């Protein structure tokens, strides 16, 4: 494609939106529409502030800048990889994380609940001294938890060594090596023998029927981080079953299950699940207390 027809970010933005919509891309990794993702990819590629598109819309670009942006647009449209794998960057709120194909693209409704310390269920955030995150992936939630609970030590667990290598990059970036331990483990198998005030998890929970219908963008991610078995609850059952003995008396288990509330209620409804409110409604994250888990 000749670059002479493109001179400004405005030209590239218009082209990218049309290209993405024509390719029928799926947006589920931080952007909700073609315009948002196109703007992000253009600004990131040109190394411009991600929150300031307007001042640069009519700037004249160098030929090599145009070529670089067009290459990114074509990779996203043709290869259907998530934008985060192209930029090696994903955002959760104000936090930026490194990510590549070894780990799931960071996204979680639990991230919305951390700034409020899971109020009103968390009685005394400053008294929180031990936190466990299962299925940590890139380490994003573990890092946010460590920053939210400054008196806590966080153990972050994943079965994938590759994912933990990605998490290590993020832990080092945020300089949390002294307060955040990365543990290679099949759920609780290698977890330290101690009690936790809080156990958090965003585990693989996609049921087999939904797995068969995933768009290419999700198929580009590690499938082990998505597959949850016939009803999506295979790992969640193990997590719930083992949480009670690892929580303090006032401890909490918080689990994200995406669109699988129906299956979660069938599996654990007898425990009396509390559904937490997120931007997507009251169906994505449930909470259980230590008392409920010890019944």
C-alpha atoms as a PDB file:
ATOM      1  CA  UNK A   1       0.000   0.000   0.000  1.00  0.00           C
ATOM      2  CA  UNK A   2       1.365   3.432  -0.864  1.00  0.00           C
ATOM      3  CA  UNK A   3       1.786   5.674   2.161  1.00  0.00           C
ATOM      4  CA  UNK A   4       1.410   8.911   0.156  1.00  0.00           C
ATOM      5  CA  UNK A   5      -2.353   8.926   0.727  1.00  0.00           C
ATOM      6  CA  UNK A   6      -1.768   9.139   4.490  1.00  0.00           C
ATOM      7  CA  UNK A   7      -0.228  12.245   5.999  1.00  0.00           C
ATOM      8  CA  UNK A   8      -1.718  12.662   9.488  1.00  0.00           C
ATOM      9  CA  UNK A   9      -2.952  10.560  12.424  1.00  0.00           C
ATOM     10  CA  UNK A  10      -6.464  11.611  11.403  1.00  0.00           C
ATOM     11  CA  UNK A  11      -5.984   9.846   8.053  1.00  0.00           C
ATOM     12  CA  UNK A  12      -4.668   6.727   9.767  1.00  0.00           C
ATOM     13  CA  UNK A  13      -7.429   6.737  12.361  1.00  0.00           C
ATOM     14  CA  UNK A  14     -10.134   6.826   9.719  1.00  0.00           C
ATOM     15  CA  UNK A  15      -8.435   4.050   7.775  1.00  0.00           C
ATOM     16  CA  UNK A  16      -7.899   1.879  10.858  1.00  0.00           C
ATOM     17  CA  UNK A  17     -11.524   2.098  11.988  1.00  0.00           C
ATOM     18  CA  UNK A  18     -12.743   1.098   8.528  1.00  0.00           C
ATOM     19  CA  UNK A  19     -10.166  -1.698   8.322  1.00  0.00           C
ATOM     20  CA  UNK A  20     -11.082  -3.086  11.751  1.00  0.00           C
ATOM     21  CA  UNK A  21     -14.808  -2.936  11.131  1.00  0.00           C
ATOM     22  CA  UNK A  22     -14.446  -4.555   7.709  1.00  0.00           C
ATOM     23  CA  UNK A  23     -12.377  -7.346   9.250  1.00  0.00           C
ATOM     24  CA  UNK A  24     -15.077  -7.814  11.923  1.00  0.00           C
ATOM     25  CA  UNK A  25     -12.564  -7.797  14.747  1.00  0.00           C
ATOM     26  CA  UNK A  26     -13.544  -8.747  18.282  1.00  0.00           C
ATOM     27  CA  UNK A  27     -12.868  -6.191  21.011  1.00  0.00           C
ATOM     28  CA  UNK A  28     -12.647  -7.768  24.449  1.00  0.00           C
ATOM     29  CA  UNK A  29      -9.194  -6.886  25.727  1.00  0.00           C
ATOM     30  CA  UNK A  30      -9.539  -3.329  26.968  1.00  0.00           C
ATOM     31  CA  UNK A  31     -11.279  -1.622  24.052  1.00  0.00           C
ATOM     32  CA  UNK A  32     -14.989  -1.789  23.318  1.00  0.00           C
ATOM     33  CA  UNK A  33     -14.998  -0.558  19.718  1.00  0.00           C
ATOM     34  CA  UNK A  34     -12.847  -0.045  16.656  1.00  0.00           C
ATOM     35  CA  UNK A  35     -12.347   3.677  17.267  1.00  0.00           C
ATOM     36  CA  UNK A  36     -10.936   3.207  20.768  1.00  0.00           C
ATOM     37  CA  UNK A  37      -8.569   0.461  19.684  1.00  0.00           C
ATOM     38  CA  UNK A  38      -7.431   2.302  16.580  1.00  0.00           C
ATOM     39  CA  UNK A  39      -6.648   5.418  18.607  1.00  0.00           C
ATOM     40  CA  UNK A  40      -4.727   3.387  21.193  1.00  0.00           C
ATOM     41  CA  UNK A  41      -2.623   1.548  18.605  1.00  0.00           C
ATOM     42  CA  UNK A  42      -1.808   4.715  16.694  1.00  0.00           C
ATOM     43  CA  UNK A  43      -0.816   6.692  19.797  1.00  0.00           C
ATOM     44  CA  UNK A  44       1.225   3.826  21.208  1.00  0.00           C
ATOM     45  CA  UNK A  45       3.072   3.245  17.927  1.00  0.00           C
ATOM     46  CA  UNK A  46       3.874   6.949  17.576  1.00  0.00           C
ATOM     47  CA  UNK A  47       4.927   7.090  21.257  1.00  0.00           C
ATOM     48  CA  UNK A  48       2.411   9.820  22.016  1.00  0.00           C
ATOM     49  CA  UNK A  49       0.421  10.275  25.263  1.00  0.00           C
ATOM     50  CA  UNK A  50      -2.382   7.726  25.263  1.00  0.00           C
ATOM     51  CA  UNK A  51      -4.924  10.215  26.603  1.00  0.00           C
ATOM     52  CA  UNK A  52      -4.220  13.049  24.150  1.00  0.00           C
ATOM     53  CA  UNK A  53      -5.250  12.275  20.597  1.00  0.00           C
ATOM     54  CA  UNK A  54      -6.816  15.592  19.575  1.00  0.00           C
ATOM     55  CA  UNK A  55      -3.659  17.773  19.690  1.00  0.00           C
ATOM     56  CA  UNK A  56      -1.920  15.427  17.270  1.00  0.00           C
ATOM     57  CA  UNK A  57      -4.717  14.565  14.834  1.00  0.00           C
ATOM     58  CA  UNK A  58      -3.500  16.905  12.105  1.00  0.00           C
ATOM     59  CA  UNK A  59       0.244  16.604  12.675  1.00  0.00           C
ATOM     60  CA  UNK A  60       2.202  15.688   9.539  1.00  0.00           C
ATOM     61  CA  UNK A  61       3.895  12.319   9.958  1.00  0.00           C
ATOM     62  CA  UNK A  62       7.197  11.098   8.618  1.00  0.00           C
ATOM     63  CA  UNK A  63       7.045   8.273   6.050  1.00  0.00           C
ATOM     64  CA  UNK A  64       8.600   5.809   8.505  1.00  0.00           C
ATOM     65  CA  UNK A  65       5.982   6.721  11.127  1.00  0.00           C
ATOM     66  CA  UNK A  66       3.187   6.081   8.655  1.00  0.00           C
ATOM     67  CA  UNK A  67       4.717   2.731   7.676  1.00  0.00           C
ATOM     68  CA  UNK A  68       5.012   1.703  11.334  1.00  0.00           C
ATOM     69  CA  UNK A  69       1.364   2.506  12.063  1.00  0.00           C
ATOM     70  CA  UNK A  70       0.143   0.752   8.926  1.00  0.00           C
ATOM     71  CA  UNK A  71       2.094  -2.373   9.885  1.00  0.00           C
ATOM     72  CA  UNK A  72       0.395  -2.436  13.279  1.00  0.00           C
ATOM     73  CA  UNK A  73      -3.052  -1.888  11.764  1.00  0.00           C
ATOM     74  CA  UNK A  74      -2.537  -4.717   9.300  1.00  0.00           C
ATOM     75  CA  UNK A  75      -1.258  -7.110  11.945  1.00  0.00           C
ATOM     76  CA  UNK A  76      -4.296  -6.453  14.112  1.00  0.00           C
ATOM     77  CA  UNK A  77      -6.717  -6.801  11.200  1.00  0.00           C
ATOM     78  CA  UNK A  78      -5.079  -9.780   9.500  1.00  0.00           C
ATOM     79  CA  UNK A  79      -3.630 -11.885  12.313  1.00  0.00           C
ATOM     80  CA  UNK A  80      -6.465 -11.082  14.777  1.00  0.00           C
ATOM     81  CA  UNK A  81      -4.113 -11.005  17.761  1.00  0.00           C
ATOM     82  CA  UNK A  82      -5.145  -8.875  20.744  1.00  0.00           C
ATOM     83  CA  UNK A  83      -3.797  -5.344  20.637  1.00  0.00           C
ATOM     84  CA  UNK A  84      -1.994  -5.950  23.948  1.00  0.00           C
ATOM     85  CA  UNK A  85       0.183  -8.618  22.330  1.00  0.00           C
ATOM     86  CA  UNK A  86       1.168  -6.127  19.633  1.00  0.00           C
ATOM     87  CA  UNK A  87       2.046  -3.321  22.039  1.00  0.00           C
ATOM     88  CA  UNK A  88       3.284  -5.621  24.854  1.00  0.00           C
ATOM     89  CA  UNK A  89       1.169  -3.535  27.192  1.00  0.00           C
ATOM     90  CA  UNK A  90      -2.187  -3.817  28.960  1.00  0.00           C
ATOM     91  CA  UNK A  91      -3.934  -1.445  31.328  1.00  0.00           C
ATOM     92  CA  UNK A  92      -6.114  -2.078  34.375  1.00  0.00           C
ATOM     93  CA  UNK A  93      -7.293   1.264  35.690  1.00  0.00           C
ATOM     94  CA  UNK A  94      -4.180   3.408  36.208  1.00  0.00           C
ATOM     95  CA  UNK A  95      -1.860   0.382  36.135  1.00  0.00           C
ATOM     96  CA  UNK A  96       0.179  -0.567  33.089  1.00  0.00           C
ATOM     97  CA  UNK A  97       1.432  -4.154  32.776  1.00  0.00           C
ATOM     98  CA  UNK A  98       3.772  -5.954  30.421  1.00  0.00           C
ATOM     99  CA  UNK A  99       2.118  -8.857  28.613  1.00  0.00           C
ATOM    100  CA  UNK A 100       2.928 -11.234  25.787  1.00  0.00           C
ATOM    101  CA  UNK A 101       1.548 -14.492  24.384  1.00  0.00           C
ATOM    102  CA  UNK A 102       2.744 -16.477  27.418  1.00  0.00           C
ATOM    103  CA  UNK A 103      -0.025 -15.061  29.615  1.00  0.00           C
ATOM    104  CA  UNK A 104      -3.661 -14.047  29.370  1.00  0.00           C
ATOM    105  CA  UNK A 105      -4.232 -10.408  28.477  1.00  0.00           C
ATOM    106  CA  UNK A 106      -4.937  -8.704  31.850  1.00  0.00           C
ATOM    107  CA  UNK A 107      -8.631  -8.052  32.390  1.00  0.00           C
ATOM    108  CA  UNK A 108     -10.655  -8.511  35.526  1.00  0.00           C
ATOM    109  CA  UNK A 109     -13.703  -7.117  37.259  1.00  0.00           C
ATOM    110  CA  UNK A 110     -11.974  -7.822  40.559  1.00  0.00           C
ATOM    111  CA  UNK A 111      -9.598  -4.985  39.683  1.00  0.00           C
ATOM    112  CA  UNK A 112     -12.526  -2.581  40.065  1.00  0.00           C
ATOM    113  CA  UNK A 113     -13.124  -3.732  43.651  1.00  0.00           C
ATOM    114  CA  UNK A 114      -9.555  -3.476  44.961  1.00  0.00           C
ATOM    115  CA  UNK A 115      -9.425   0.344  45.404  1.00  0.00           C
ATOM    116  CA  UNK A 116     -12.347   0.118  47.875  1.00  0.00           C
ATOM    117  CA  UNK A 117     -10.691  -2.768  49.765  1.00  0.00           C
ATOM    118  CA  UNK A 118     -13.733  -5.015  49.129  1.00  0.00           C
ATOM    119  CA  UNK A 119     -15.800  -2.847  51.452  1.00  0.00           C
ATOM    120  CA  UNK A 120     -17.948  -3.514  53.443  1.00  0.00           C
ATOM    121  CA  UNK A 121     -16.836  -7.154  53.727  1.00  0.00           C
ATOM    122  CA  UNK A 122     -13.221  -6.373  54.538  1.00  0.00           C
ATOM    123  CA  UNK A 123     -13.437  -5.200  58.156  1.00  0.00           C
ATOM    124  CA  UNK A 124      -9.931  -3.762  58.589  1.00  0.00           C
ATOM    125  CA  UNK A 125      -7.799  -3.437  55.441  1.00  0.00           C
ATOM    126  CA  UNK A 126      -4.759  -2.316  57.453  1.00  0.00           C
ATOM    127  CA  UNK A 127      -4.883  -5.557  59.426  1.00  0.00           C
ATOM    128  CA  UNK A 128      -4.621  -7.626  56.251  1.00  0.00           C
ATOM    129  CA  UNK A 129      -1.233  -9.339  56.443  1.00  0.00           C
ATOM    130  CA  UNK A 130      -1.473 -12.323  54.083  1.00  0.00           C
ATOM    131  CA  UNK A 131      -3.121 -12.470  50.664  1.00  0.00           C
ATOM    132  CA  UNK A 132      -3.203 -15.374  48.217  1.00  0.00           C
ATOM    133  CA  UNK A 133      -3.978 -15.013  44.525  1.00  0.00           C
ATOM    134  CA  UNK A 134      -4.556 -18.192  42.567  1.00  0.00           C
ATOM    135  CA  UNK A 135      -4.127 -18.311  38.766  1.00  0.00           C
ATOM    136  CA  UNK A 136      -2.176 -15.051  38.762  1.00  0.00           C
ATOM    137  CA  UNK A 137      -1.165 -15.066  35.075  1.00  0.00           C
ATOM    138  CA  UNK A 138       0.681 -11.815  34.416  1.00  0.00           C
ATOM    139  CA  UNK A 139       0.571 -10.918  38.106  1.00  0.00           C
ATOM    140  CA  UNK A 140      -1.636  -7.871  37.568  1.00  0.00           C
ATOM    141  CA  UNK A 141      -4.127  -8.479  40.388  1.00  0.00           C
ATOM    142  CA  UNK A 142      -1.409  -9.561  42.808  1.00  0.00           C
ATOM    143  CA  UNK A 143       0.436  -6.305  42.185  1.00  0.00           C
ATOM    144  CA  UNK A 144      -2.708  -4.230  42.659  1.00  0.00           C
ATOM    145  CA  UNK A 145      -3.442  -6.117  45.890  1.00  0.00           C
ATOM    146  CA  UNK A 146       0.078  -5.533  47.209  1.00  0.00           C
ATOM    147  CA  UNK A 147      -0.234  -1.830  46.539  1.00  0.00           C
ATOM    148  CA  UNK A 148      -3.721  -1.601  48.066  1.00  0.00           C
ATOM    149  CA  UNK A 149      -2.797  -3.524  51.234  1.00  0.00           C
ATOM    150  CA  UNK A 150       0.628  -2.140  52.218  1.00  0.00           C
ATOM    151  CA  UNK A 151       0.890  -4.321  55.322  1.00  0.00           C
ATOM    152  CA  UNK A 152       0.248  -7.536  53.405  1.00  0.00           C
ATOM    153  CA  UNK A 153       2.513 -10.157  51.914  1.00  0.00           C
ATOM    154  CA  UNK A 154       1.037 -11.530  48.681  1.00  0.00           C
ATOM    155  CA  UNK A 155       1.570 -15.071  47.394  1.00  0.00           C
ATOM    156  CA  UNK A 156       0.743 -15.263  43.674  1.00  0.00           C
ATOM    157  CA  UNK A 157       0.279 -18.750  42.223  1.00  0.00           C
ATOM    158  CA  UNK A 158       0.127 -20.130  38.715  1.00  0.00           C
ATOM    159  CA  UNK A 159       0.671 -23.574  37.190  1.00  0.00           C
ATOM    160  CA  UNK A 160       2.336 -22.036  34.126  1.00  0.00           C
ATOM    161  CA  UNK A 161       6.036 -21.242  34.359  1.00  0.00           C
ATOM    162  CA  UNK A 162       5.684 -19.134  31.220  1.00  0.00           C
ATOM    163  CA  UNK A 163       2.987 -16.986  32.826  1.00  0.00           C
ATOM    164  CA  UNK A 164       5.091 -16.576  35.962  1.00  0.00           C
ATOM    165  CA  UNK A 165       8.005 -15.361  33.828  1.00  0.00           C
ATOM    166  CA  UNK A 166       5.712 -12.608  32.557  1.00  0.00           C
ATOM    167  CA  UNK A 167       4.547 -11.889  36.103  1.00  0.00           C
ATOM    168  CA  UNK A 168       8.176 -11.557  37.216  1.00  0.00           C
ATOM    169  CA  UNK A 169       8.687  -8.721  34.736  1.00  0.00           C
ATOM    170  CA  UNK A 170       5.727  -6.862  36.232  1.00  0.00           C
ATOM    171  CA  UNK A 171       6.710  -7.537  39.849  1.00  0.00           C
ATOM    172  CA  UNK A 172      10.185  -6.198  39.134  1.00  0.00           C
ATOM    173  CA  UNK A 173       8.752  -3.134  37.384  1.00  0.00           C
ATOM    174  CA  UNK A 174       6.668  -2.265  40.439  1.00  0.00           C
ATOM    175  CA  UNK A 175       9.565  -3.146  42.784  1.00  0.00           C
ATOM    176  CA  UNK A 176       7.487  -5.523  44.894  1.00  0.00           C
ATOM    177  CA  UNK A 177      10.006  -8.365  45.104  1.00  0.00           C
ATOM    178  CA  UNK A 178      10.098  -8.173  48.919  1.00  0.00           C
ATOM    179  CA  UNK A 179       6.336  -8.347  49.395  1.00  0.00           C
ATOM    180  CA  UNK A 180       5.102 -10.480  46.504  1.00  0.00           C
ATOM    181  CA  UNK A 181       6.157 -14.098  46.011  1.00  0.00           C
ATOM    182  CA  UNK A 182       5.549 -15.910  42.725  1.00  0.00           C
ATOM    183  CA  UNK A 183       4.866 -19.613  43.226  1.00  0.00           C
ATOM    184  CA  UNK A 184       4.659 -22.290  40.540  1.00  0.00           C
ATOM    185  CA  UNK A 185       1.870 -24.532  41.785  1.00  0.00           C
ATOM    186  CA  UNK A 186      -1.232 -26.448  40.755  1.00  0.00           C
ATOM    187  CA  UNK A 187      -3.596 -24.343  42.866  1.00  0.00           C
ATOM    188  CA  UNK A 188      -2.843 -25.039  46.557  1.00  0.00           C
ATOM    189  CA  UNK A 189      -0.251 -27.804  46.036  1.00  0.00           C
ATOM    190  CA  UNK A 190       2.858 -25.685  46.738  1.00  0.00           C
ATOM    191  CA  UNK A 191       1.225 -22.887  48.722  1.00  0.00           C
ATOM    192  CA  UNK A 192       2.862 -22.078  52.088  1.00  0.00           C
ATOM    193  CA  UNK A 193       1.268 -23.636  55.163  1.00  0.00           C
ATOM    194  CA  UNK A 194      -0.302 -20.523  56.646  1.00  0.00           C
ATOM    195  CA  UNK A 195      -3.641 -18.745  56.960  1.00  0.00           C
ATOM    196  CA  UNK A 196      -4.711 -16.006  54.569  1.00  0.00           C
ATOM    197  CA  UNK A 197      -6.946 -13.009  55.233  1.00  0.00           C
ATOM    198  CA  UNK A 198      -7.928 -12.939  51.588  1.00  0.00           C
ATOM    199  CA  UNK A 199      -7.900 -15.430  48.726  1.00  0.00           C
ATOM    200  CA  UNK A 200      -8.507 -13.924  45.284  1.00  0.00           C
ATOM    201  CA  UNK A 201      -8.833 -15.733  41.986  1.00  0.00           C
ATOM    202  CA  UNK A 202      -9.779 -15.088  38.382  1.00  0.00           C
ATOM    203  CA  UNK A 203      -9.412 -18.714  37.244  1.00  0.00           C
ATOM    204  CA  UNK A 204     -10.099 -20.463  33.931  1.00  0.00           C
ATOM    205  CA  UNK A 205     -13.894 -20.628  33.837  1.00  0.00           C
ATOM    206  CA  UNK A 206     -15.040 -20.749  30.196  1.00  0.00           C
ATOM    207  CA  UNK A 207     -17.362 -23.727  29.707  1.00  0.00           C
ATOM    208  CA  UNK A 208     -16.710 -26.148  26.865  1.00  0.00           C
ATOM    209  CA  UNK A 209     -19.662 -24.919  24.807  1.00  0.00           C
ATOM    210  CA  UNK A 210     -18.395 -21.356  24.920  1.00  0.00           C
ATOM    211  CA  UNK A 211     -14.804 -22.452  24.243  1.00  0.00           C
ATOM    212  CA  UNK A 212     -15.932 -23.855  20.895  1.00  0.00           C
ATOM    213  CA  UNK A 213     -17.258 -20.423  19.910  1.00  0.00           C
ATOM    214  CA  UNK A 214     -14.373 -18.194  20.974  1.00  0.00           C
ATOM    215  CA  UNK A 215     -13.250 -15.518  18.476  1.00  0.00           C
ATOM    216  CA  UNK A 216      -9.701 -15.656  17.077  1.00  0.00           C
ATOM    217  CA  UNK A 217      -8.538 -12.977  19.520  1.00  0.00           C
ATOM    218  CA  UNK A 218      -9.221 -15.321  22.463  1.00  0.00           C
ATOM    219  CA  UNK A 219      -7.728 -18.289  20.644  1.00  0.00           C
ATOM    220  CA  UNK A 220      -4.453 -16.348  20.499  1.00  0.00           C
ATOM    221  CA  UNK A 221      -4.251 -16.562  24.304  1.00  0.00           C
ATOM    222  CA  UNK A 222      -3.033 -19.564  26.349  1.00  0.00           C
ATOM    223  CA  UNK A 223      -6.009 -21.893  26.346  1.00  0.00           C
ATOM    224  CA  UNK A 224      -5.052 -23.328  29.737  1.00  0.00           C
ATOM    225  CA  UNK A 225      -5.940 -19.919  31.164  1.00  0.00           C
ATOM    226  CA  UNK A 226      -9.461 -20.074  29.721  1.00  0.00           C
ATOM    227  CA  UNK A 227     -10.688 -23.677  29.723  1.00  0.00           C
ATOM    228  CA  UNK A 228     -12.903 -24.479  32.704  1.00  0.00           C
ATOM    229  CA  UNK A 229     -14.375 -27.831  31.715  1.00  0.00           C
ATOM    230  CA  UNK A 230     -17.920 -28.809  30.772  1.00  0.00           C
ATOM    231  CA  UNK A 231     -19.584 -26.215  33.014  1.00  0.00           C
ATOM    232  CA  UNK A 232     -16.586 -23.948  33.531  1.00  0.00           C
ATOM    233  CA  UNK A 233     -16.338 -24.866  37.205  1.00  0.00           C
ATOM    234  CA  UNK A 234     -13.614 -27.553  37.203  1.00  0.00           C
ATOM    235  CA  UNK A 235     -10.929 -25.406  38.847  1.00  0.00           C
ATOM    236  CA  UNK A 236     -13.415 -23.287  40.761  1.00  0.00           C
ATOM    237  CA  UNK A 237     -14.634 -26.406  42.589  1.00  0.00           C
ATOM    238  CA  UNK A 238     -11.092 -27.182  43.712  1.00  0.00           C
ATOM    239  CA  UNK A 239     -10.514 -23.585  44.768  1.00  0.00           C
ATOM    240  CA  UNK A 240     -13.700 -23.436  46.833  1.00  0.00           C
ATOM    241  CA  UNK A 241     -13.073 -26.855  48.362  1.00  0.00           C
ATOM    242  CA  UNK A 242      -9.608 -25.902  49.578  1.00  0.00           C
ATOM    243  CA  UNK A 243     -10.194 -22.322  50.661  1.00  0.00           C
ATOM    244  CA  UNK A 244     -11.833 -22.888  54.049  1.00  0.00           C
ATOM    245  CA  UNK A 245      -8.830 -24.495  55.710  1.00  0.00           C
ATOM    246  CA  UNK A 246      -6.511 -21.785  54.372  1.00  0.00           C
ATOM    247  CA  UNK A 247      -8.492 -18.732  55.494  1.00  0.00           C
ATOM    248  CA  UNK A 248      -8.343 -16.936  58.822  1.00  0.00           C
ATOM    249  CA  UNK A 249     -11.545 -16.862  60.848  1.00  0.00           C
ATOM    250  CA  UNK A 250     -12.506 -13.524  59.262  1.00  0.00           C
ATOM    251  CA  UNK A 251     -11.057 -14.429  55.866  1.00  0.00           C
ATOM    252  CA  UNK A 252     -12.715 -13.972  52.474  1.00  0.00           C
ATOM    253  CA  UNK A 253     -12.672 -15.882  49.194  1.00  0.00           C
ATOM    254  CA  UNK A 254     -13.418 -13.772  46.107  1.00  0.00           C
ATOM    255  CA  UNK A 255     -13.855 -15.505  42.749  1.00  0.00           C
ATOM    256  CA  UNK A 256     -14.426 -14.095  39.270  1.00  0.00           C
ATOM    257  CA  UNK A 257     -16.489 -16.347  36.990  1.00  0.00           C
ATOM    258  CA  UNK A 258     -17.383 -14.092  34.048  1.00  0.00           C
ATOM    259  CA  UNK A 259     -20.620 -15.089  32.386  1.00  0.00           C
ATOM    260  CA  UNK A 260     -20.933 -18.382  34.258  1.00  0.00           C
ATOM    261  CA  UNK A 261     -23.216 -17.321  37.134  1.00  0.00           C
ATOM    262  CA  UNK A 262     -25.797 -19.984  36.285  1.00  0.00           C
ATOM    263  CA  UNK A 263     -23.207 -22.750  36.564  1.00  0.00           C
ATOM    264  CA  UNK A 264     -21.687 -21.200  39.690  1.00  0.00           C
ATOM    265  CA  UNK A 265     -25.066 -21.118  41.404  1.00  0.00           C
ATOM    266  CA  UNK A 266     -25.663 -24.750  40.517  1.00  0.00           C
ATOM    267  CA  UNK A 267     -22.285 -25.729  41.932  1.00  0.00           C
ATOM    268  CA  UNK A 268     -22.086 -23.508  45.017  1.00  0.00           C
ATOM    269  CA  UNK A 269     -25.483 -21.913  45.536  1.00  0.00           C
ATOM    270  CA  UNK A 270     -26.032 -23.977  48.684  1.00  0.00           C
ATOM    271  CA  UNK A 271     -23.176 -22.060  50.321  1.00  0.00           C
ATOM    272  CA  UNK A 272     -25.009 -18.752  49.979  1.00  0.00           C
ATOM    273  CA  UNK A 273     -22.967 -16.819  47.412  1.00  0.00           C
ATOM    274  CA  UNK A 274     -22.722 -13.042  47.721  1.00  0.00           C
ATOM    275  CA  UNK A 275     -22.537 -11.422  44.278  1.00  0.00           C
ATOM    276  CA  UNK A 276     -20.463  -8.256  44.139  1.00  0.00           C
ATOM    277  CA  UNK A 277     -21.417  -5.272  42.011  1.00  0.00           C
ATOM    278  CA  UNK A 278     -19.074  -4.398  39.131  1.00  0.00           C
ATOM    279  CA  UNK A 279     -19.373  -2.306  35.991  1.00  0.00           C
ATOM    280  CA  UNK A 280     -20.863  -5.368  34.278  1.00  0.00           C
ATOM    281  CA  UNK A 281     -23.547  -5.905  36.903  1.00  0.00           C
ATOM    282  CA  UNK A 282     -23.931  -8.398  39.737  1.00  0.00           C
ATOM    283  CA  UNK A 283     -23.115 -11.599  37.868  1.00  0.00           C
ATOM    284  CA  UNK A 284     -19.330 -11.677  37.480  1.00  0.00           C
ATOM    285  CA  UNK A 285     -17.746 -11.995  40.939  1.00  0.00           C
ATOM    286  CA  UNK A 286     -18.867 -13.881  44.033  1.00  0.00           C
ATOM    287  CA  UNK A 287     -17.719 -13.817  47.643  1.00  0.00           C
ATOM    288  CA  UNK A 288     -17.700 -16.465  50.352  1.00  0.00           C
ATOM    289  CA  UNK A 289     -16.671 -15.989  53.978  1.00  0.00           C
ATOM    290  CA  UNK A 290     -14.533 -18.394  55.965  1.00  0.00           C
ATOM    291  CA  UNK A 291     -17.590 -19.313  58.037  1.00  0.00           C
ATOM    292  CA  UNK A 292     -19.549 -20.270  54.920  1.00  0.00           C
ATOM    293  CA  UNK A 293     -16.676 -22.375  53.635  1.00  0.00           C
ATOM    294  CA  UNK A 294     -16.299 -24.279  56.902  1.00  0.00           C
ATOM    295  CA  UNK A 295     -19.915 -25.451  57.030  1.00  0.00           C
END
